Amino acid sequence: ISNGVVTWIIPNIMENGQTIQRTVTVTVNGNVSNGTILTNTANVGTVQGVDTTTVQVLQQFADLGIVKSGPVSAVRGGNVLYTLTATNAGPNTATNVAIADPVPTGLTFNPAGSDSSCVQIGSSVVCDNTTLSAGASKTINIAFAIPATAVCGSTISNQASVSTSATDPNPANNQSAVVSTT
């Protein structure tokens, strides 16, 4: 193999009609789109043959779900810590898994009390770049600071989501239940 060209030395064909078969197996780059046409050209002496193949991307399915828990109550000037668990029920591996949790109104993201994979992007905290094999789960913690000026008795409502670059056959479980803290 040299510069993407495979070369074989085929011995002289001794009898009329004799054939020799060679097989090449290639791996297509992961960024090739479904439906892309690949063209292969083979030369035997001065005879040229052209073959085309249409790429069929096998779709990966991964049923992700998320569960969120948090405290029933919190204090002004303190933190509220939520625990989020994303699970892949399969059947395939989920890549580029992202857990997103909107910053509750009036609170601020506390990165020091949160999982190190989590960062604030706009008005949400995103914990991403995770791969979950079928049957696997990942648990993270996200902390939010409650201002000392928060109104006593007010309710903090919060809900998280999970997504993947794989096709999720059951998107209904990609949102957690709403967790309410007073």
C-alpha atoms as a PDB file:
ATOM      1  CA  ILE A   1       0.000   0.000   0.000  1.00  0.00           C
ATOM      2  CA  SER A   2       1.410   3.340  -1.030  1.00  0.00           C
ATOM      3  CA  ASN A   3      -0.468   6.665  -1.146  1.00  0.00           C
ATOM      4  CA  GLY A   4      -3.827   4.890  -0.889  1.00  0.00           C
ATOM      5  CA  VAL A   5      -3.031   2.500  -3.764  1.00  0.00           C
ATOM      6  CA  VAL A   6      -2.932  -1.258  -3.224  1.00  0.00           C
ATOM      7  CA  THR A   7      -0.647  -3.133  -5.652  1.00  0.00           C
ATOM      8  CA  TRP A   8      -0.419  -6.897  -6.132  1.00  0.00           C
ATOM      9  CA  ILE A   9       1.944  -8.808  -8.307  1.00  0.00           C
ATOM     10  CA  ILE A  10      -0.127 -11.464 -10.025  1.00  0.00           C
ATOM     11  CA  PRO A  11       1.727 -14.404 -11.541  1.00  0.00           C
ATOM     12  CA  ASN A  12       1.342 -15.082 -15.223  1.00  0.00           C
ATOM     13  CA  ILE A  13      -2.001 -16.682 -15.992  1.00  0.00           C
ATOM     14  CA  MET A  14      -1.171 -20.054 -17.408  1.00  0.00           C
ATOM     15  CA  GLU A  15      -4.461 -21.224 -18.902  1.00  0.00           C
ATOM     16  CA  ASN A  16      -7.029 -19.385 -20.971  1.00  0.00           C
ATOM     17  CA  GLY A  17      -9.971 -18.385 -18.740  1.00  0.00           C
ATOM     18  CA  GLN A  18      -8.073 -18.796 -15.467  1.00  0.00           C
ATOM     19  CA  THR A  19      -8.936 -16.107 -12.885  1.00  0.00           C
ATOM     20  CA  ILE A  20      -7.338 -14.801  -9.762  1.00  0.00           C
ATOM     21  CA  GLN A  21      -9.423 -12.941  -7.196  1.00  0.00           C
ATOM     22  CA  ARG A  22      -8.146 -10.348  -4.713  1.00  0.00           C
ATOM     23  CA  THR A  23     -10.259  -8.714  -1.999  1.00  0.00           C
ATOM     24  CA  VAL A  24      -9.641  -5.353  -0.362  1.00  0.00           C
ATOM     25  CA  THR A  25     -11.491  -4.381   2.791  1.00  0.00           C
ATOM     26  CA  VAL A  26     -11.542  -0.680   3.628  1.00  0.00           C
ATOM     27  CA  THR A  27     -12.778   1.316   6.575  1.00  0.00           C
ATOM     28  CA  VAL A  28     -14.747   4.424   5.689  1.00  0.00           C
ATOM     29  CA  ASN A  29     -14.072   7.546   7.778  1.00  0.00           C
ATOM     30  CA  GLY A  30     -16.710   8.151  10.449  1.00  0.00           C
ATOM     31  CA  ASN A  31     -17.591  11.579   9.044  1.00  0.00           C
ATOM     32  CA  VAL A  32     -18.795  10.211   5.678  1.00  0.00           C
ATOM     33  CA  SER A  33     -22.501  10.921   5.166  1.00  0.00           C
ATOM     34  CA  ASN A  34     -25.081   8.259   4.524  1.00  0.00           C
ATOM     35  CA  GLY A  35     -25.613   7.935   0.764  1.00  0.00           C
ATOM     36  CA  THR A  36     -22.084   9.006  -0.230  1.00  0.00           C
ATOM     37  CA  ILE A  37     -20.913   7.187  -3.345  1.00  0.00           C
ATOM     38  CA  LEU A  38     -17.402   5.746  -3.214  1.00  0.00           C
ATOM     39  CA  THR A  39     -15.676   4.912  -6.479  1.00  0.00           C
ATOM     40  CA  ASN A  40     -13.005   2.252  -6.830  1.00  0.00           C
ATOM     41  CA  THR A  41     -10.872   1.886  -9.931  1.00  0.00           C
ATOM     42  CA  ALA A  42      -8.920  -1.285 -10.700  1.00  0.00           C
ATOM     43  CA  ASN A  43      -6.325  -1.628 -13.448  1.00  0.00           C
ATOM     44  CA  VAL A  44      -5.055  -4.926 -14.785  1.00  0.00           C
ATOM     45  CA  GLY A  45      -2.472  -4.230 -17.428  1.00  0.00           C
ATOM     46  CA  THR A  46      -4.135  -1.858 -19.861  1.00  0.00           C
ATOM     47  CA  VAL A  47      -7.692  -2.860 -18.848  1.00  0.00           C
ATOM     48  CA  GLN A  48      -9.456  -0.595 -16.380  1.00  0.00           C
ATOM     49  CA  GLY A  49     -12.512  -1.509 -14.302  1.00  0.00           C
ATOM     50  CA  VAL A  50     -14.590   0.897 -12.220  1.00  0.00           C
ATOM     51  CA  ASP A  51     -16.836  -0.083  -9.334  1.00  0.00           C
ATOM     52  CA  THR A  52     -19.025   2.187  -7.203  1.00  0.00           C
ATOM     53  CA  THR A  53     -20.424   1.575  -3.749  1.00  0.00           C
ATOM     54  CA  THR A  54     -22.987   3.613  -1.848  1.00  0.00           C
ATOM     55  CA  VAL A  55     -22.122   4.148   1.815  1.00  0.00           C
ATOM     56  CA  GLN A  56     -24.760   2.917   4.198  1.00  0.00           C
ATOM     57  CA  VAL A  57     -24.243   4.301   7.666  1.00  0.00           C
ATOM     58  CA  LEU A  58     -25.565   1.975  10.322  1.00  0.00           C
ATOM     59  CA  GLN A  59     -27.671   4.034  12.666  1.00  0.00           C
ATOM     60  CA  GLN A  60     -26.763   3.685  16.315  1.00  0.00           C
ATOM     61  CA  PHE A  61     -29.644   3.567  18.813  1.00  0.00           C
ATOM     62  CA  ALA A  62     -29.222   4.372  22.489  1.00  0.00           C
ATOM     63  CA  ASP A  63     -32.132   4.890  24.876  1.00  0.00           C
ATOM     64  CA  LEU A  64     -30.920   7.453  27.391  1.00  0.00           C
ATOM     65  CA  GLY A  65     -32.767   8.380  30.544  1.00  0.00           C
ATOM     66  CA  ILE A  66     -32.052  10.776  33.383  1.00  0.00           C
ATOM     67  CA  VAL A  67     -33.007  10.894  37.058  1.00  0.00           C
ATOM     68  CA  LYS A  68     -32.461  13.974  39.195  1.00  0.00           C
ATOM     69  CA  SER A  69     -32.635  14.300  42.967  1.00  0.00           C
ATOM     70  CA  GLY A  70     -32.066  17.168  45.351  1.00  0.00           C
ATOM     71  CA  PRO A  71     -32.874  18.424  48.812  1.00  0.00           C
ATOM     72  CA  VAL A  72     -36.386  19.258  49.954  1.00  0.00           C
ATOM     73  CA  SER A  73     -35.157  22.450  51.621  1.00  0.00           C
ATOM     74  CA  ALA A  74     -32.180  24.804  51.458  1.00  0.00           C
ATOM     75  CA  VAL A  75     -30.971  27.876  53.330  1.00  0.00           C
ATOM     76  CA  ARG A  76     -30.308  31.408  52.114  1.00  0.00           C
ATOM     77  CA  GLY A  77     -26.617  31.999  51.465  1.00  0.00           C
ATOM     78  CA  GLY A  78     -25.981  28.255  51.090  1.00  0.00           C
ATOM     79  CA  ASN A  79     -25.831  25.865  48.194  1.00  0.00           C
ATOM     80  CA  VAL A  80     -28.321  23.455  46.720  1.00  0.00           C
ATOM     81  CA  LEU A  81     -26.720  20.252  45.420  1.00  0.00           C
ATOM     82  CA  TYR A  82     -28.459  18.148  42.782  1.00  0.00           C
ATOM     83  CA  THR A  83     -27.462  14.598  41.865  1.00  0.00           C
ATOM     84  CA  LEU A  84     -28.112  13.590  38.263  1.00  0.00           C
ATOM     85  CA  THR A  85     -27.777  10.068  36.886  1.00  0.00           C
ATOM     86  CA  ALA A  86     -27.832   9.449  33.139  1.00  0.00           C
ATOM     87  CA  THR A  87     -28.379   5.836  32.053  1.00  0.00           C
ATOM     88  CA  ASN A  88     -28.099   4.132  28.671  1.00  0.00           C
ATOM     89  CA  ALA A  89     -30.648   1.325  28.276  1.00  0.00           C
ATOM     90  CA  GLY A  90     -29.057   0.443  24.922  1.00  0.00           C
ATOM     91  CA  PRO A  91     -29.003  -1.336  22.645  1.00  0.00           C
ATOM     92  CA  ASN A  92     -25.851   0.499  21.412  1.00  0.00           C
ATOM     93  CA  THR A  93     -23.189   2.719  22.949  1.00  0.00           C
ATOM     94  CA  ALA A  94     -24.171   6.381  23.327  1.00  0.00           C
ATOM     95  CA  THR A  95     -21.434   8.812  22.330  1.00  0.00           C
ATOM     96  CA  ASN A  96     -21.268  12.571  22.891  1.00  0.00           C
ATOM     97  CA  VAL A  97     -23.605  12.284  25.870  1.00  0.00           C
ATOM     98  CA  ALA A  98     -24.481  15.672  27.334  1.00  0.00           C
ATOM     99  CA  ILE A  99     -26.326  16.359  30.571  1.00  0.00           C
ATOM    100  CA  ALA A 100     -27.858  19.840  30.712  1.00  0.00           C
ATOM    101  CA  ASP A 101     -29.306  21.561  33.759  1.00  0.00           C
ATOM    102  CA  PRO A 102     -30.729  25.096  33.516  1.00  0.00           C
ATOM    103  CA  VAL A 103     -29.508  27.504  36.181  1.00  0.00           C
ATOM    104  CA  PRO A 104     -32.555  28.141  38.406  1.00  0.00           C
ATOM    105  CA  THR A 105     -33.797  31.727  38.445  1.00  0.00           C
ATOM    106  CA  GLY A 106     -31.936  33.832  41.027  1.00  0.00           C
ATOM    107  CA  LEU A 107     -29.220  31.235  41.664  1.00  0.00           C
ATOM    108  CA  THR A 108     -25.660  31.015  40.335  1.00  0.00           C
ATOM    109  CA  PHE A 109     -23.668  27.983  39.228  1.00  0.00           C
ATOM    110  CA  ASN A 110     -21.089  26.836  41.790  1.00  0.00           C
ATOM    111  CA  PRO A 111     -18.355  25.076  39.754  1.00  0.00           C
ATOM    112  CA  ALA A 112     -16.275  24.277  42.861  1.00  0.00           C
ATOM    113  CA  GLY A 113     -19.119  22.158  44.272  1.00  0.00           C
ATOM    114  CA  SER A 114     -19.932  20.502  40.947  1.00  0.00           C
ATOM    115  CA  ASP A 115     -18.521  17.697  38.828  1.00  0.00           C
ATOM    116  CA  SER A 116     -15.376  18.843  36.996  1.00  0.00           C
ATOM    117  CA  SER A 117     -16.886  17.980  33.582  1.00  0.00           C
ATOM    118  CA  CYS A 118     -19.596  20.627  34.064  1.00  0.00           C
ATOM    119  CA  VAL A 119     -19.398  24.179  32.719  1.00  0.00           C
ATOM    120  CA  GLN A 120     -21.922  26.961  32.389  1.00  0.00           C
ATOM    121  CA  ILE A 121     -22.894  27.699  28.798  1.00  0.00           C
ATOM    122  CA  GLY A 122     -25.397  30.529  28.589  1.00  0.00           C
ATOM    123  CA  SER A 123     -28.197  29.890  31.077  1.00  0.00           C
ATOM    124  CA  SER A 124     -27.484  26.153  31.483  1.00  0.00           C
ATOM    125  CA  VAL A 125     -24.848  23.976  33.078  1.00  0.00           C
ATOM    126  CA  VAL A 126     -23.646  21.345  30.597  1.00  0.00           C
ATOM    127  CA  CYS A 127     -21.678  18.226  31.496  1.00  0.00           C
ATOM    128  CA  ASP A 128     -20.632  16.554  28.268  1.00  0.00           C
ATOM    129  CA  ASN A 129     -18.202  14.518  26.239  1.00  0.00           C
ATOM    130  CA  THR A 130     -19.248  11.295  27.911  1.00  0.00           C
ATOM    131  CA  THR A 131     -19.597   7.868  26.354  1.00  0.00           C
ATOM    132  CA  LEU A 132     -22.010   5.379  27.899  1.00  0.00           C
ATOM    133  CA  SER A 133     -22.026   1.758  26.799  1.00  0.00           C
ATOM    134  CA  ALA A 134     -25.343  -0.100  26.845  1.00  0.00           C
ATOM    135  CA  GLY A 135     -26.355  -0.687  30.460  1.00  0.00           C
ATOM    136  CA  ALA A 136     -23.938   1.913  31.833  1.00  0.00           C
ATOM    137  CA  SER A 137     -24.735   5.031  33.818  1.00  0.00           C
ATOM    138  CA  LYS A 138     -22.923   8.141  35.008  1.00  0.00           C
ATOM    139  CA  THR A 139     -23.735  10.155  38.111  1.00  0.00           C
ATOM    140  CA  ILE A 140     -22.722  13.787  38.503  1.00  0.00           C
ATOM    141  CA  ASN A 141     -23.333  16.513  41.056  1.00  0.00           C
ATOM    142  CA  ILE A 142     -24.235  20.091  40.204  1.00  0.00           C
ATOM    143  CA  ALA A 143     -24.237  22.816  42.853  1.00  0.00           C
ATOM    144  CA  PHE A 144     -25.959  26.196  42.753  1.00  0.00           C
ATOM    145  CA  ALA A 145     -25.379  29.062  45.185  1.00  0.00           C
ATOM    146  CA  ILE A 146     -28.453  30.562  46.814  1.00  0.00           C
ATOM    147  CA  PRO A 147     -28.102  34.300  47.456  1.00  0.00           C
ATOM    148  CA  ALA A 148     -28.402  35.537  51.048  1.00  0.00           C
ATOM    149  CA  THR A 149     -31.209  37.799  49.815  1.00  0.00           C
ATOM    150  CA  ALA A 150     -33.397  34.903  48.618  1.00  0.00           C
ATOM    151  CA  VAL A 151     -37.005  35.110  49.834  1.00  0.00           C
ATOM    152  CA  CYS A 152     -37.725  32.616  52.612  1.00  0.00           C
ATOM    153  CA  GLY A 153     -40.305  30.028  51.636  1.00  0.00           C
ATOM    154  CA  SER A 154     -39.770  30.517  47.913  1.00  0.00           C
ATOM    155  CA  THR A 155     -39.548  27.406  45.742  1.00  0.00           C
ATOM    156  CA  ILE A 156     -36.651  26.501  43.476  1.00  0.00           C
ATOM    157  CA  SER A 157     -37.879  24.291  40.642  1.00  0.00           C
ATOM    158  CA  ASN A 158     -35.375  22.556  38.431  1.00  0.00           C
ATOM    159  CA  GLN A 159     -35.360  19.910  35.699  1.00  0.00           C
ATOM    160  CA  ALA A 160     -32.428  18.365  33.786  1.00  0.00           C
ATOM    161  CA  SER A 161     -32.089  16.688  30.380  1.00  0.00           C
ATOM    162  CA  VAL A 162     -29.768  14.267  28.630  1.00  0.00           C
ATOM    163  CA  SER A 163     -28.906  13.926  24.931  1.00  0.00           C
ATOM    164  CA  THR A 164     -26.596  11.961  22.629  1.00  0.00           C
ATOM    165  CA  SER A 165     -25.425  11.956  19.028  1.00  0.00           C
ATOM    166  CA  ALA A 166     -26.922   8.459  18.685  1.00  0.00           C
ATOM    167  CA  THR A 167     -30.606   8.135  17.771  1.00  0.00           C
ATOM    168  CA  ASP A 168     -32.704   7.850  20.920  1.00  0.00           C
ATOM    169  CA  PRO A 169     -35.735   5.628  20.264  1.00  0.00           C
ATOM    170  CA  ASN A 170     -37.429   6.824  23.467  1.00  0.00           C
ATOM    171  CA  PRO A 171     -36.947  10.586  23.940  1.00  0.00           C
ATOM    172  CA  ALA A 172     -39.739  10.691  26.548  1.00  0.00           C
ATOM    173  CA  ASN A 173     -37.273   9.773  29.327  1.00  0.00           C
ATOM    174  CA  ASN A 174     -34.649  12.361  28.337  1.00  0.00           C
ATOM    175  CA  GLN A 175     -36.094  14.883  30.830  1.00  0.00           C
ATOM    176  CA  SER A 176     -35.947  14.367  34.575  1.00  0.00           C
ATOM    177  CA  ALA A 177     -38.876  14.963  36.852  1.00  0.00           C
ATOM    178  CA  VAL A 178     -39.019  18.500  38.257  1.00  0.00           C
ATOM    179  CA  VAL A 179     -37.239  18.746  41.613  1.00  0.00           C
ATOM    180  CA  SER A 180     -38.640  21.392  43.976  1.00  0.00           C
ATOM    181  CA  THR A 181     -36.662  22.810  46.877  1.00  0.00           C
ATOM    182  CA  THR A 182     -37.935  25.414  49.390  1.00  0.00           C
END
